[in-house]
N, C-alpha and C. Protein backbone atom coordinates (compact mmCIF):
# COMPACT_ATOMS: atom_id res chain seq x y z
N UNK A 1 95.59 78.24 88.40
CA UNK A 1 95.71 77.38 87.33
C UNK A 1 95.76 75.93 87.59
N UNK A 2 96.40 75.65 88.79
CA UNK A 2 96.41 74.23 89.31
C UNK A 2 94.94 73.63 89.48
N UNK A 3 94.24 74.51 90.13
CA UNK A 3 92.79 74.19 90.44
C UNK A 3 92.03 73.88 89.13
N UNK A 4 92.21 74.74 88.06
CA UNK A 4 91.58 74.51 86.80
C UNK A 4 92.05 73.16 86.29
N UNK A 5 93.25 72.76 86.40
CA UNK A 5 93.78 71.57 85.77
C UNK A 5 93.09 70.42 86.53
N UNK A 6 93.03 70.64 87.94
CA UNK A 6 92.63 69.52 88.72
C UNK A 6 90.93 69.29 88.40
N UNK A 7 90.30 70.50 88.37
CA UNK A 7 88.80 70.28 87.82
C UNK A 7 88.59 69.57 86.50
N UNK A 8 89.42 69.89 85.51
CA UNK A 8 89.36 69.42 84.24
C UNK A 8 89.76 67.83 84.34
N UNK A 9 90.67 67.58 85.02
CA UNK A 9 91.02 66.12 85.21
C UNK A 9 89.95 65.33 85.86
N UNK A 10 89.34 66.00 86.96
CA UNK A 10 88.27 65.26 87.55
C UNK A 10 87.04 65.13 86.70
N UNK A 11 86.63 66.03 85.93
CA UNK A 11 85.45 65.88 84.96
C UNK A 11 85.95 64.89 83.88
N UNK A 12 87.08 64.88 83.48
CA UNK A 12 87.51 63.87 82.43
C UNK A 12 87.33 62.55 82.95
N UNK A 13 87.78 62.36 84.22
CA UNK A 13 87.78 61.00 84.92
C UNK A 13 86.32 60.55 85.10
N UNK A 14 85.37 61.43 85.36
CA UNK A 14 83.95 61.17 85.76
C UNK A 14 83.46 60.76 84.33
N UNK A 15 83.70 61.52 83.31
CA UNK A 15 83.09 61.13 81.95
C UNK A 15 83.66 59.84 81.49
N UNK A 16 84.91 59.66 81.72
CA UNK A 16 85.55 58.32 81.20
C UNK A 16 84.90 57.29 81.96
N UNK A 17 84.78 57.36 83.31
CA UNK A 17 84.10 56.27 84.19
C UNK A 17 82.76 56.14 83.70
N UNK A 18 81.95 57.12 83.43
CA UNK A 18 80.60 57.09 82.92
C UNK A 18 80.54 56.19 81.65
N UNK A 19 81.50 56.55 80.69
CA UNK A 19 81.51 55.81 79.38
C UNK A 19 81.79 54.32 79.61
N UNK A 20 82.75 53.99 80.58
CA UNK A 20 82.99 52.59 80.84
C UNK A 20 81.78 51.87 81.44
N UNK A 21 81.00 52.55 82.40
CA UNK A 21 79.88 51.91 82.82
C UNK A 21 78.70 51.81 81.92
N UNK A 22 78.63 52.75 80.92
CA UNK A 22 77.73 52.45 79.78
C UNK A 22 78.09 51.41 78.92
N UNK A 23 79.29 51.40 78.68
CA UNK A 23 79.85 50.22 77.68
C UNK A 23 79.55 48.92 78.35
N UNK A 24 79.83 48.77 79.60
CA UNK A 24 79.65 47.46 80.26
C UNK A 24 78.14 47.16 80.35
N UNK A 25 77.36 48.19 80.54
CA UNK A 25 75.94 48.06 80.67
C UNK A 25 75.32 47.59 79.29
N UNK A 26 76.00 48.09 78.16
CA UNK A 26 75.45 47.77 76.90
C UNK A 26 75.85 46.42 76.55
N UNK A 27 76.97 46.01 77.06
CA UNK A 27 77.31 44.60 76.73
C UNK A 27 78.33 44.58 75.68
N UNK A 28 77.93 44.49 74.42
CA UNK A 28 78.87 44.68 73.33
C UNK A 28 79.63 43.35 73.04
N UNK A 29 79.20 42.23 73.74
CA UNK A 29 79.84 40.98 73.56
C UNK A 29 79.17 40.04 72.57
N UNK A 30 77.97 40.48 72.25
CA UNK A 30 77.29 39.73 71.29
C UNK A 30 76.51 38.60 71.92
N UNK A 31 76.42 38.51 73.26
CA UNK A 31 75.77 37.38 73.92
C UNK A 31 74.35 37.84 74.31
N UNK A 32 73.72 38.66 73.61
CA UNK A 32 72.34 39.17 73.95
C UNK A 32 71.36 37.99 73.96
N UNK A 33 70.70 37.74 75.09
CA UNK A 33 69.73 36.57 75.14
C UNK A 33 68.29 37.18 75.07
N UNK A 34 68.13 38.39 74.67
CA UNK A 34 66.87 39.09 74.52
C UNK A 34 66.26 39.66 75.80
N UNK A 35 66.88 39.50 76.99
CA UNK A 35 66.47 40.07 78.17
C UNK A 35 66.85 41.56 78.16
N UNK A 36 65.92 42.38 78.41
CA UNK A 36 66.24 43.83 78.46
C UNK A 36 67.25 44.08 79.70
N UNK A 37 68.22 45.10 79.23
CA UNK A 37 69.22 45.46 80.29
C UNK A 37 68.83 46.71 80.85
N UNK A 38 68.80 46.99 82.15
CA UNK A 38 68.33 48.26 82.53
C UNK A 38 69.31 49.27 82.31
N UNK A 39 68.77 50.51 82.07
CA UNK A 39 69.52 51.66 81.61
C UNK A 39 70.28 52.04 82.73
N UNK A 40 71.56 52.45 82.57
CA UNK A 40 72.42 53.03 83.55
C UNK A 40 72.77 54.46 83.22
N UNK A 41 72.63 55.34 84.10
CA UNK A 41 72.96 56.66 83.81
C UNK A 41 73.96 57.11 84.97
N UNK A 42 74.74 58.08 84.46
CA UNK A 42 75.73 58.58 85.33
C UNK A 42 75.68 60.10 85.37
N UNK A 43 75.76 60.81 86.42
CA UNK A 43 75.60 62.18 86.49
C UNK A 43 76.91 62.80 86.93
N UNK A 44 77.32 63.91 86.30
CA UNK A 44 78.43 64.61 86.64
C UNK A 44 78.25 65.36 88.09
N UNK A 45 79.08 65.46 88.76
CA UNK A 45 78.94 66.22 90.01
C UNK A 45 78.48 67.67 89.84
N UNK A 46 77.65 68.10 90.71
CA UNK A 46 77.17 69.47 90.59
C UNK A 46 75.75 69.58 90.05
N UNK A 47 75.14 70.76 89.89
CA UNK A 47 73.85 70.83 89.33
C UNK A 47 73.76 70.68 87.93
N UNK A 48 72.80 70.06 87.29
CA UNK A 48 72.73 69.76 85.92
C UNK A 48 72.14 70.88 85.21
N UNK A 49 72.66 71.55 84.27
CA UNK A 49 72.25 72.66 83.57
C UNK A 49 70.98 72.44 82.84
N UNK A 50 70.09 73.41 82.86
CA UNK A 50 68.97 73.24 82.16
C UNK A 50 69.03 74.24 80.87
N UNK A 51 68.66 73.67 79.62
CA UNK A 51 68.83 74.48 78.59
C UNK A 51 67.40 74.89 78.12
N UNK A 52 67.12 76.22 78.20
CA UNK A 52 65.92 76.75 77.74
C UNK A 52 65.54 76.43 76.30
N UNK A 53 64.30 76.22 75.91
CA UNK A 53 63.96 75.86 74.61
C UNK A 53 64.26 77.17 73.61
N UNK A 54 64.82 76.91 72.43
CA UNK A 54 64.99 77.99 71.59
C UNK A 54 63.71 78.18 70.76
N UNK A 55 63.50 79.55 70.56
CA UNK A 55 62.28 79.71 69.70
C UNK A 55 62.60 79.38 68.34
N UNK A 56 61.76 78.74 67.57
CA UNK A 56 62.09 78.47 66.18
C UNK A 56 61.37 79.45 65.20
N UNK A 57 60.29 80.11 65.64
CA UNK A 57 59.60 81.10 64.73
C UNK A 57 60.26 82.31 64.70
N UNK A 58 60.95 82.83 65.80
CA UNK A 58 61.34 84.25 65.89
C UNK A 58 62.71 84.32 65.12
N UNK A 59 62.77 85.34 64.36
CA UNK A 59 63.94 85.52 63.64
C UNK A 59 64.99 86.56 64.52
N UNK A 60 66.22 86.39 64.49
CA UNK A 60 67.15 87.31 65.21
C UNK A 60 66.97 88.71 64.43
N UNK A 61 67.42 89.78 64.99
CA UNK A 61 67.30 91.17 64.57
C UNK A 61 68.16 91.10 63.26
N UNK A 62 69.38 90.43 63.23
CA UNK A 62 70.19 90.52 62.11
C UNK A 62 69.64 89.90 60.91
N UNK A 63 68.85 88.63 61.15
CA UNK A 63 68.27 87.85 60.18
C UNK A 63 67.11 88.67 59.49
N UNK A 64 66.31 89.31 60.45
CA UNK A 64 65.31 90.30 60.07
C UNK A 64 65.85 91.36 59.11
N UNK A 65 66.84 91.98 59.51
CA UNK A 65 67.44 93.02 58.59
C UNK A 65 67.85 92.52 57.34
N UNK A 66 68.53 91.45 57.29
CA UNK A 66 69.13 90.90 56.08
C UNK A 66 67.93 90.34 55.17
N UNK A 67 66.93 89.84 55.64
CA UNK A 67 65.80 89.48 54.83
C UNK A 67 65.23 90.57 54.28
N UNK A 68 65.08 91.75 55.01
CA UNK A 68 64.43 93.02 54.38
C UNK A 68 65.40 93.55 53.30
N UNK A 69 66.71 93.55 53.62
CA UNK A 69 67.64 93.97 52.64
C UNK A 69 67.63 93.30 51.35
N UNK A 70 67.51 91.92 51.47
CA UNK A 70 67.43 91.10 50.29
C UNK A 70 66.11 91.24 49.51
N UNK A 71 65.10 91.45 50.27
CA UNK A 71 63.72 91.76 49.71
C UNK A 71 63.76 93.03 48.95
N UNK A 72 64.47 94.03 49.41
CA UNK A 72 64.60 95.29 48.61
C UNK A 72 65.31 94.93 47.31
N UNK A 73 66.25 94.08 47.32
CA UNK A 73 66.94 93.72 46.01
C UNK A 73 66.03 93.04 45.13
N UNK A 74 65.27 92.23 45.62
CA UNK A 74 64.31 91.55 44.71
C UNK A 74 63.31 92.53 44.06
N UNK A 75 62.91 93.54 44.71
CA UNK A 75 62.03 94.66 44.11
C UNK A 75 62.79 95.40 43.26
N UNK A 76 64.04 95.86 43.63
CA UNK A 76 64.87 96.57 42.80
C UNK A 76 65.10 95.84 41.42
N UNK A 77 65.42 94.57 41.49
CA UNK A 77 65.59 93.77 40.18
C UNK A 77 64.53 93.79 39.38
N UNK A 78 63.21 93.75 39.92
CA UNK A 78 61.88 93.85 39.14
C UNK A 78 61.84 95.31 38.59
N UNK A 79 62.17 96.29 39.34
CA UNK A 79 61.95 97.69 38.92
C UNK A 79 62.89 97.94 37.70
N UNK A 80 64.16 97.66 37.72
CA UNK A 80 65.12 98.03 36.70
C UNK A 80 64.77 97.01 35.39
N UNK A 81 64.32 95.74 35.56
CA UNK A 81 63.89 95.03 34.46
C UNK A 81 62.71 95.50 33.72
N UNK A 82 61.70 95.91 34.57
CA UNK A 82 60.42 96.46 33.94
C UNK A 82 60.32 97.98 33.84
N UNK A 83 61.45 98.63 34.08
CA UNK A 83 61.55 100.18 34.01
C UNK A 83 60.42 100.80 34.63
N UNK A 84 60.18 100.38 36.01
CA UNK A 84 59.19 101.04 36.70
C UNK A 84 59.53 100.85 38.11
N UNK A 85 59.81 102.06 38.71
CA UNK A 85 60.20 102.23 40.15
C UNK A 85 59.18 101.81 41.23
N UNK A 86 57.97 101.62 40.92
CA UNK A 86 56.89 101.42 41.83
C UNK A 86 57.09 100.37 42.88
N UNK A 87 57.61 99.15 42.40
CA UNK A 87 57.89 98.14 43.35
C UNK A 87 58.81 98.48 44.52
N UNK A 88 59.91 99.32 44.22
CA UNK A 88 60.82 99.77 45.21
C UNK A 88 60.16 100.68 46.29
N UNK A 89 59.10 101.48 45.78
CA UNK A 89 58.46 102.36 46.70
C UNK A 89 57.82 101.71 47.89
N UNK A 90 57.60 100.36 47.93
CA UNK A 90 57.05 99.61 48.94
C UNK A 90 58.10 99.52 50.17
N UNK A 91 59.45 99.60 49.81
CA UNK A 91 60.44 99.20 50.79
C UNK A 91 61.51 100.15 50.85
N UNK A 92 61.32 101.38 50.24
CA UNK A 92 62.51 102.46 50.27
C UNK A 92 61.71 103.82 50.55
N UNK A 93 62.74 104.68 51.01
CA UNK A 93 62.33 105.99 51.23
C UNK A 93 62.24 106.81 49.90
N UNK A 94 61.70 107.98 50.00
CA UNK A 94 61.59 108.89 48.84
C UNK A 94 62.93 109.00 48.23
N UNK A 95 63.90 109.34 48.92
CA UNK A 95 65.29 109.50 48.43
C UNK A 95 65.78 108.30 47.73
N UNK A 96 65.57 107.21 48.16
CA UNK A 96 66.15 105.89 47.54
C UNK A 96 65.22 105.62 46.24
N UNK A 97 63.96 105.98 46.28
CA UNK A 97 63.05 105.75 45.10
C UNK A 97 63.56 106.61 44.03
N UNK A 98 63.94 107.79 44.38
CA UNK A 98 64.30 108.89 43.38
C UNK A 98 65.58 108.41 42.87
N UNK A 99 66.44 107.83 43.57
CA UNK A 99 67.80 107.41 43.00
C UNK A 99 67.47 106.20 41.93
N UNK A 100 66.68 105.23 42.22
CA UNK A 100 66.16 104.13 41.41
C UNK A 100 65.52 104.84 40.21
N UNK A 101 64.59 105.81 40.36
CA UNK A 101 63.87 106.48 39.34
C UNK A 101 64.92 107.15 38.31
N UNK A 102 65.91 107.70 38.74
CA UNK A 102 66.94 108.23 37.78
C UNK A 102 67.73 107.35 37.23
N UNK A 103 68.02 106.14 37.76
CA UNK A 103 68.68 104.94 37.18
C UNK A 103 67.83 104.48 36.03
N UNK A 104 66.57 104.34 36.33
CA UNK A 104 65.53 103.91 35.22
C UNK A 104 65.42 104.72 34.15
N UNK A 105 65.36 106.10 34.37
CA UNK A 105 65.38 107.08 33.35
C UNK A 105 66.63 107.01 32.44
N UNK A 106 67.81 106.80 33.00
CA UNK A 106 69.00 106.59 32.26
C UNK A 106 69.00 105.25 31.46
N UNK A 107 68.35 104.33 31.93
CA UNK A 107 68.29 103.07 31.22
C UNK A 107 67.22 103.38 29.91
N UNK A 108 66.23 103.92 30.24
CA UNK A 108 65.30 104.30 29.14
C UNK A 108 65.99 105.03 28.02
N UNK A 109 66.79 106.01 28.43
CA UNK A 109 67.43 106.88 27.47
C UNK A 109 68.41 106.15 26.58
N UNK A 110 68.96 105.13 27.17
CA UNK A 110 69.88 104.16 26.37
C UNK A 110 69.15 103.01 25.62
N UNK A 111 67.68 103.00 25.90
CA UNK A 111 66.93 102.03 25.21
C UNK A 111 67.05 100.57 25.63
N UNK A 112 67.44 100.53 26.87
CA UNK A 112 67.70 99.24 27.47
C UNK A 112 66.90 98.94 28.71
N UNK A 113 66.94 97.74 29.26
CA UNK A 113 66.44 97.38 30.57
C UNK A 113 67.67 96.68 31.27
N UNK A 114 67.59 96.36 32.53
CA UNK A 114 68.71 95.76 33.20
C UNK A 114 68.25 94.41 33.85
N UNK A 115 68.90 93.31 33.51
CA UNK A 115 68.62 92.07 34.19
C UNK A 115 69.65 91.88 35.30
N UNK A 116 69.27 92.06 36.62
CA UNK A 116 70.29 92.00 37.59
C UNK A 116 70.62 90.54 37.95
N UNK A 117 71.95 90.36 38.01
CA UNK A 117 72.49 89.18 38.40
C UNK A 117 73.51 89.48 39.50
N UNK A 118 73.29 89.40 40.53
CA UNK A 118 74.22 89.80 41.68
C UNK A 118 74.41 88.62 42.64
N UNK A 119 75.64 88.40 43.09
CA UNK A 119 76.08 87.56 44.21
C UNK A 119 76.25 88.34 45.37
N UNK A 120 75.39 88.22 46.39
CA UNK A 120 75.54 89.22 47.58
C UNK A 120 76.37 88.56 48.71
N UNK A 121 76.99 89.42 49.39
CA UNK A 121 77.85 89.17 50.72
C UNK A 121 77.52 90.02 51.68
N UNK A 122 76.24 90.19 52.18
CA UNK A 122 75.85 91.28 53.09
C UNK A 122 76.41 91.01 54.49
N UNK A 123 76.78 92.05 55.18
CA UNK A 123 77.12 92.05 56.50
C UNK A 123 76.48 93.25 57.36
N UNK A 124 75.74 92.89 58.42
CA UNK A 124 75.14 94.03 59.15
C UNK A 124 76.19 94.45 60.02
N UNK A 125 76.50 95.98 59.75
CA UNK A 125 77.53 96.57 60.45
C UNK A 125 77.04 97.10 61.85
N UNK A 126 75.82 97.71 61.79
CA UNK A 126 75.15 98.28 63.04
C UNK A 126 73.68 97.81 62.90
N UNK A 127 73.07 97.68 64.18
CA UNK A 127 71.69 97.28 64.26
C UNK A 127 71.13 97.73 65.54
N UNK A 128 69.96 98.34 65.53
CA UNK A 128 69.18 98.52 66.65
C UNK A 128 67.68 98.09 66.21
N UNK A 129 66.81 98.45 67.35
CA UNK A 129 65.50 98.00 66.91
C UNK A 129 64.79 98.95 65.85
N UNK A 130 65.35 100.08 65.57
CA UNK A 130 64.85 101.11 64.68
C UNK A 130 65.76 101.46 63.48
N UNK A 131 67.13 101.11 63.53
CA UNK A 131 67.91 101.48 62.49
C UNK A 131 69.02 100.34 62.20
N UNK A 132 69.59 100.26 61.00
CA UNK A 132 70.56 99.34 60.62
C UNK A 132 71.41 99.80 59.47
N UNK A 133 72.64 99.42 59.39
CA UNK A 133 73.56 99.73 58.37
C UNK A 133 74.12 98.23 57.95
N UNK A 134 74.00 98.18 56.62
CA UNK A 134 74.32 96.86 55.92
C UNK A 134 75.45 97.16 54.83
N UNK A 135 76.50 96.44 54.88
CA UNK A 135 77.47 96.64 53.94
C UNK A 135 77.49 95.34 52.99
N UNK A 136 77.58 95.59 51.74
CA UNK A 136 77.55 94.34 50.95
C UNK A 136 78.56 94.57 49.76
N UNK A 137 79.52 93.54 49.80
CA UNK A 137 80.47 93.31 48.66
C UNK A 137 79.95 92.44 47.71
N UNK A 138 79.50 92.81 46.62
CA UNK A 138 78.80 91.97 45.71
C UNK A 138 79.66 91.77 44.38
N UNK A 139 79.26 90.62 43.79
CA UNK A 139 79.80 90.38 42.46
C UNK A 139 78.67 90.54 41.51
N UNK A 140 79.03 91.55 40.52
CA UNK A 140 77.86 91.99 39.62
C UNK A 140 78.10 91.24 38.25
N UNK A 141 77.04 90.61 37.76
CA UNK A 141 77.04 89.91 36.39
C UNK A 141 75.80 90.18 35.80
N UNK A 142 75.25 91.39 36.17
CA UNK A 142 74.15 91.97 35.63
C UNK A 142 74.37 92.25 33.97
N UNK A 143 73.35 92.40 33.25
CA UNK A 143 73.51 92.69 31.74
C UNK A 143 72.27 93.39 31.28
N UNK A 144 72.42 94.15 30.33
CA UNK A 144 71.35 94.87 29.50
C UNK A 144 70.37 93.86 28.70
N UNK A 145 69.21 94.15 28.72
CA UNK A 145 68.14 93.45 27.82
C UNK A 145 67.39 94.36 27.08
N UNK A 146 66.69 93.81 26.03
CA UNK A 146 65.70 94.62 25.37
C UNK A 146 64.54 94.92 26.26
N UNK A 147 64.08 96.19 26.34
CA UNK A 147 63.12 96.60 27.28
C UNK A 147 61.76 96.00 26.92
N UNK A 148 61.54 95.72 25.72
CA UNK A 148 60.28 94.97 25.28
C UNK A 148 60.10 93.44 25.51
N UNK A 149 61.18 92.87 25.03
CA UNK A 149 61.15 91.37 24.94
C UNK A 149 61.89 90.78 26.25
N UNK A 150 62.63 91.61 26.91
CA UNK A 150 63.40 91.26 28.02
C UNK A 150 64.53 90.11 27.67
N UNK A 151 64.84 90.12 26.36
CA UNK A 151 65.87 89.06 25.95
C UNK A 151 67.17 89.82 25.86
N UNK A 152 68.29 89.14 26.03
CA UNK A 152 68.44 87.67 26.28
C UNK A 152 68.11 87.31 27.68
N UNK A 153 67.73 86.05 27.85
CA UNK A 153 67.43 85.67 29.30
C UNK A 153 68.87 85.41 30.06
N UNK A 154 69.82 85.30 29.45
CA UNK A 154 71.16 85.05 30.19
C UNK A 154 72.21 85.57 29.20
N UNK A 155 73.29 86.08 29.90
CA UNK A 155 74.46 86.57 29.24
C UNK A 155 75.53 86.70 30.16
N UNK A 156 76.89 86.73 29.71
CA UNK A 156 77.94 86.85 30.62
C UNK A 156 78.07 88.23 31.21
N UNK A 157 78.21 88.37 32.48
CA UNK A 157 78.30 89.60 33.20
C UNK A 157 79.71 90.05 33.14
N UNK A 158 80.08 91.18 33.88
CA UNK A 158 81.38 91.71 34.02
C UNK A 158 82.23 91.08 35.16
N UNK A 159 81.44 90.65 36.14
CA UNK A 159 82.15 90.02 37.36
C UNK A 159 82.75 91.13 38.21
N UNK A 160 82.36 92.38 37.92
CA UNK A 160 82.88 93.50 38.73
C UNK A 160 82.44 93.38 40.18
N UNK A 161 83.22 93.82 41.04
CA UNK A 161 82.98 93.83 42.46
C UNK A 161 82.47 95.24 42.82
N UNK A 162 81.17 95.19 43.49
CA UNK A 162 80.52 96.49 43.89
C UNK A 162 80.58 96.39 45.48
N UNK A 163 80.83 97.62 46.00
CA UNK A 163 80.82 97.74 47.52
C UNK A 163 79.88 98.77 47.82
N UNK A 164 78.65 98.45 48.48
CA UNK A 164 77.67 99.34 48.83
C UNK A 164 77.30 99.30 50.23
N UNK A 165 77.02 100.50 50.78
CA UNK A 165 76.50 100.53 52.13
C UNK A 165 75.07 100.95 52.07
N UNK A 166 74.21 100.25 52.70
CA UNK A 166 72.79 100.70 52.83
C UNK A 166 72.35 100.94 54.13
N UNK A 167 71.59 102.06 54.30
CA UNK A 167 71.09 102.42 55.59
C UNK A 167 69.57 102.18 55.67
N UNK A 168 69.17 101.50 56.65
CA UNK A 168 67.72 101.02 56.83
C UNK A 168 67.21 101.60 58.14
N UNK A 169 65.91 101.81 58.01
CA UNK A 169 65.16 102.24 59.25
C UNK A 169 63.81 101.53 59.28
N UNK A 170 63.39 101.27 60.55
CA UNK A 170 62.14 100.55 60.64
C UNK A 170 61.06 101.63 60.80
N UNK A 171 60.23 101.57 59.82
CA UNK A 171 59.02 102.42 59.72
C UNK A 171 57.73 101.63 59.70
N UNK A 172 56.82 101.92 60.79
CA UNK A 172 55.59 101.25 60.78
C UNK A 172 55.80 99.76 60.75
N UNK A 173 56.80 99.29 61.51
CA UNK A 173 57.05 97.91 61.74
C UNK A 173 57.61 97.21 60.58
N UNK A 174 58.12 97.98 59.55
CA UNK A 174 58.78 97.41 58.36
C UNK A 174 60.13 98.02 58.22
N UNK A 175 61.07 97.29 57.70
CA UNK A 175 62.38 97.80 57.55
C UNK A 175 62.42 98.46 56.10
N UNK A 176 62.89 99.79 56.02
CA UNK A 176 62.96 100.44 54.77
C UNK A 176 64.37 100.80 54.46
N UNK A 177 64.79 100.71 53.23
CA UNK A 177 66.06 101.32 52.78
C UNK A 177 65.97 102.78 52.60
N UNK A 178 66.64 103.57 53.38
CA UNK A 178 66.55 104.95 53.51
C UNK A 178 67.53 105.59 52.34
N UNK A 179 68.62 105.07 52.16
CA UNK A 179 69.57 105.42 51.19
C UNK A 179 70.74 104.45 51.07
N UNK A 180 71.45 104.48 49.91
CA UNK A 180 72.58 103.67 49.70
C UNK A 180 73.78 104.44 49.25
N UNK A 181 74.90 103.98 49.44
CA UNK A 181 76.16 104.72 49.06
C UNK A 181 77.19 103.61 48.33
N UNK A 182 77.53 104.02 47.25
CA UNK A 182 78.52 103.08 46.50
C UNK A 182 79.90 103.67 46.92
N UNK A 183 80.77 102.60 47.28
CA UNK A 183 82.16 103.07 47.54
C UNK A 183 83.07 102.75 46.13
N UNK A 184 83.95 103.80 46.04
CA UNK A 184 84.71 103.66 44.71
C UNK A 184 85.74 102.56 44.90
């Protein structure tokens, strides 16, 4: 412990000394005569760390999964508004498409469509290169609309909290929602 304290004090002393040298080199007295002042650099003792460049184009696995999950929701939103499950078929398993199909069948039976208004809070619980589990505690303000006119464009929602778990798998290089489970 004493060694750690001594090392911290030494580093702080070197940093403080370096700052004093930099302040003195910069002047700061307002008597600048236009003559360039040579740059002064101070190095901490020991090897200087090199920071590898971070890739800007590559998404993390978690970001990739969340993007696919939210993309699924965009297509689900389209499906229940237009009463057509085909958009979901692009990003969901047969089992999940069947679940959406049954939901659409019930909406048709009621003579309505659904305008989805959801505030997501997704969390990746598990992730590997081929499978993932996403938990989402959502605030639901969705509302029913006329299936032909799709009106009203806005309405107050219930604000109910939904807690769903989604299971995803990577199929042919694309994340697919395999199934979803609603918690009570």
